[in-house]
C-alpha atoms as a PDB file:
ATOM      1  CA  MET A   1     -47.595  14.903-226.714  1.00  0.00           C
ATOM      2  CA  LYS A   2     -49.688  18.099-226.189  1.00  0.00           C
ATOM      3  CA  ILE A   3     -47.855  20.156-228.891  1.00  0.00           C
ATOM      4  CA  LEU A   4     -49.467  17.256-231.601  1.00  0.00           C
ATOM      5  CA  LEU A   5     -52.791  17.848-229.921  1.00  0.00           C
ATOM      6  CA  ILE A   6     -52.516  21.444-230.464  1.00  0.00           C
ATOM      7  CA  TYR A   7     -51.458  21.339-233.943  1.00  0.00           C
ATOM      8  CA  ALA A   8     -53.830  18.362-234.368  1.00  0.00           C
ATOM      9  CA  MET A   9     -56.686  20.420-233.331  1.00  0.00           C
ATOM     10  CA  LEU A  10     -55.594  23.862-235.145  1.00  0.00           C
ATOM     11  CA  ILE A  11     -55.668  21.655-238.081  1.00  0.00           C
ATOM     12  CA  ILE A  12     -59.094  20.961-237.647  1.00  0.00           C
ATOM     13  CA  LEU A  13     -60.529  23.810-236.544  1.00  0.00           C
ATOM     14  CA  GLY A  14     -58.990  25.722-239.936  1.00  0.00           C
ATOM     15  CA  LEU A  15     -59.970  22.864-242.451  1.00  0.00           C
ATOM     16  CA  SER A  16     -63.778  23.081-240.319  1.00  0.00           C
ATOM     17  CA  MET A  17     -63.865  26.699-240.638  1.00  0.00           C
ATOM     18  CA  VAL A  18     -62.942  27.096-244.464  1.00  0.00           C
ATOM     19  CA  ILE A  19     -65.375  24.154-245.002  1.00  0.00           C
ATOM     20  CA  SER A  20     -68.196  25.669-243.160  1.00  0.00           C
ATOM     21  CA  VAL A  21     -67.756  29.320-244.957  1.00  0.00           C
ATOM     22  CA  ASP A  22     -67.787  27.070-248.168  1.00  0.00           C
ATOM     23  CA  TRP A  23     -70.986  25.151-247.052  1.00  0.00           C
ATOM     24  CA  LEU A  24     -72.637  28.933-245.927  1.00  0.00           C
ATOM     25  CA  THR A  25     -72.015  30.213-249.099  1.00  0.00           C
ATOM     26  CA  GLY A  26     -73.735  27.381-250.350  1.00  0.00           C
ATOM     27  CA  THR A  27     -70.986  25.456-252.712  1.00  0.00           C
ATOM     28  CA  PRO A  28     -71.310  21.657-252.328  1.00  0.00           C
ATOM     29  CA  PHE A  29     -69.786  19.580-249.445  1.00  0.00           C
ATOM     30  CA  SER A  30     -67.663  17.422-252.509  1.00  0.00           C
ATOM     31  CA  GLN A  31     -66.361  20.458-253.618  1.00  0.00           C
ATOM     32  CA  SER A  32     -65.084  22.222-250.321  1.00  0.00           C
ATOM     33  CA  PHE A  33     -62.363  19.557-250.376  1.00  0.00           C
ATOM     34  CA  ASN A  34     -61.280  19.958-253.804  1.00  0.00           C
ATOM     35  CA  PHE A  35     -59.416  23.124-252.862  1.00  0.00           C
ATOM     36  CA  LEU A  36     -56.695  20.928-251.466  1.00  0.00           C
ATOM     37  CA  THR A  37     -55.889  19.120-254.323  1.00  0.00           C
ATOM     38  CA  LYS A  38     -55.774  22.452-256.177  1.00  0.00           C
ATOM     39  CA  ILE A  39     -53.203  23.703-253.743  1.00  0.00           C
ATOM     40  CA  PHE A  40     -51.072  21.181-253.710  1.00  0.00           C
ATOM     41  CA  ILE A  41     -51.137  21.551-258.008  1.00  0.00           C
ATOM     42  CA  THR A  42     -49.965  24.849-258.285  1.00  0.00           C
ATOM     43  CA  THR A  43     -47.291  24.178-255.557  1.00  0.00           C
ATOM     44  CA  THR A  44     -44.009  24.181-256.877  1.00  0.00           C
ATOM     45  CA  PHE A  45     -41.082  21.031-255.495  1.00  0.00           C
ATOM     46  CA  GLN A  46     -39.420  23.784-253.184  1.00  0.00           C
ATOM     47  CA  GLU A  47     -42.922  24.736-251.737  1.00  0.00           C
ATOM     48  CA  LEU A  48     -43.857  21.177-251.178  1.00  0.00           C
ATOM     49  CA  VAL A  49     -40.659  20.208-249.236  1.00  0.00           C
ATOM     50  CA  VAL A  50     -41.201  23.226-246.729  1.00  0.00           C
ATOM     51  CA  ILE A  51     -45.029  22.849-246.463  1.00  0.00           C
ATOM     52  CA  ILE A  52     -43.563  18.941-245.621  1.00  0.00           C
ATOM     53  CA  ILE A  53     -40.912  20.411-243.462  1.00  0.00           C
ATOM     54  CA  PHE A  54     -43.216  22.114-241.470  1.00  0.00           C
ATOM     55  CA  LEU A  55     -46.169  19.477-241.257  1.00  0.00           C
ATOM     56  CA  VAL A  56     -43.106  17.338-239.794  1.00  0.00           C
ATOM     57  CA  LEU A  57     -42.041  19.736-237.414  1.00  0.00           C
ATOM     58  CA  PRO A  58     -43.961  18.907-234.511  1.00  0.00           C
ATOM     59  CA  VAL A  59     -43.455  15.013-234.764  1.00  0.00           C
ATOM     60  CA  ILE A  60     -39.648  15.605-234.616  1.00  0.00           C
ATOM     61  CA  GLN A  61     -40.019  17.981-231.603  1.00  0.00           C
ATOM     62  CA  VAL A  62     -41.956  15.902-229.566  1.00  0.00           C
ATOM     63  CA  ALA A  63     -39.282  12.772-230.660  1.00  0.00           C
ATOM     64  CA  VAL A  64     -36.497  14.817-229.616  1.00  0.00           C
ATOM     65  CA  GLU A  65     -38.123  15.919-226.313  1.00  0.00           C
ATOM     66  CA  ALA A  66     -39.065  12.430-225.438  1.00  0.00           C
ATOM     67  CA  GLY A  67     -35.248  11.402-226.192  1.00  0.00           C
ATOM     68  CA  LYS A  68     -34.163  14.143-223.856  1.00  0.00           C
ATOM     69  CA  LYS A  69     -36.628  12.732-221.237  1.00  0.00           C
ATOM     70  CA  LYS A  70     -35.062   9.604-221.678  1.00  0.00           C
ATOM     71  CA  LYS A  71     -31.823  10.199-221.500  1.00  0.00           C
ATOM     72  CA  LYS A  72     -32.629  11.985-218.662  1.00  0.00           C
ATOM     73  CA  HIS A  73     -34.349   9.229-216.620  1.00  0.00           C
ATOM     74  CA  SER A  74     -31.429   6.318-218.098  1.00  0.00           C
ATOM     75  CA  HIS A  75     -28.709   8.411-216.115  1.00  0.00           C
END
């Protein structure tokens, strides 16, 4: 669970940093989130698959570790 919390904190910190820089330069708040849609519009299918894999990877890692712990306790 700690890994998921760390990844969530990094995502929140990264987004807040990008939005705060936009806010400091005078960009309206609604346009600050517009960069996310522009990023995904220009990506190819292969790039999108890689992005999704890297987003899901921490969840898979936590699930595998939980499975190992459960298996270890049952024996």
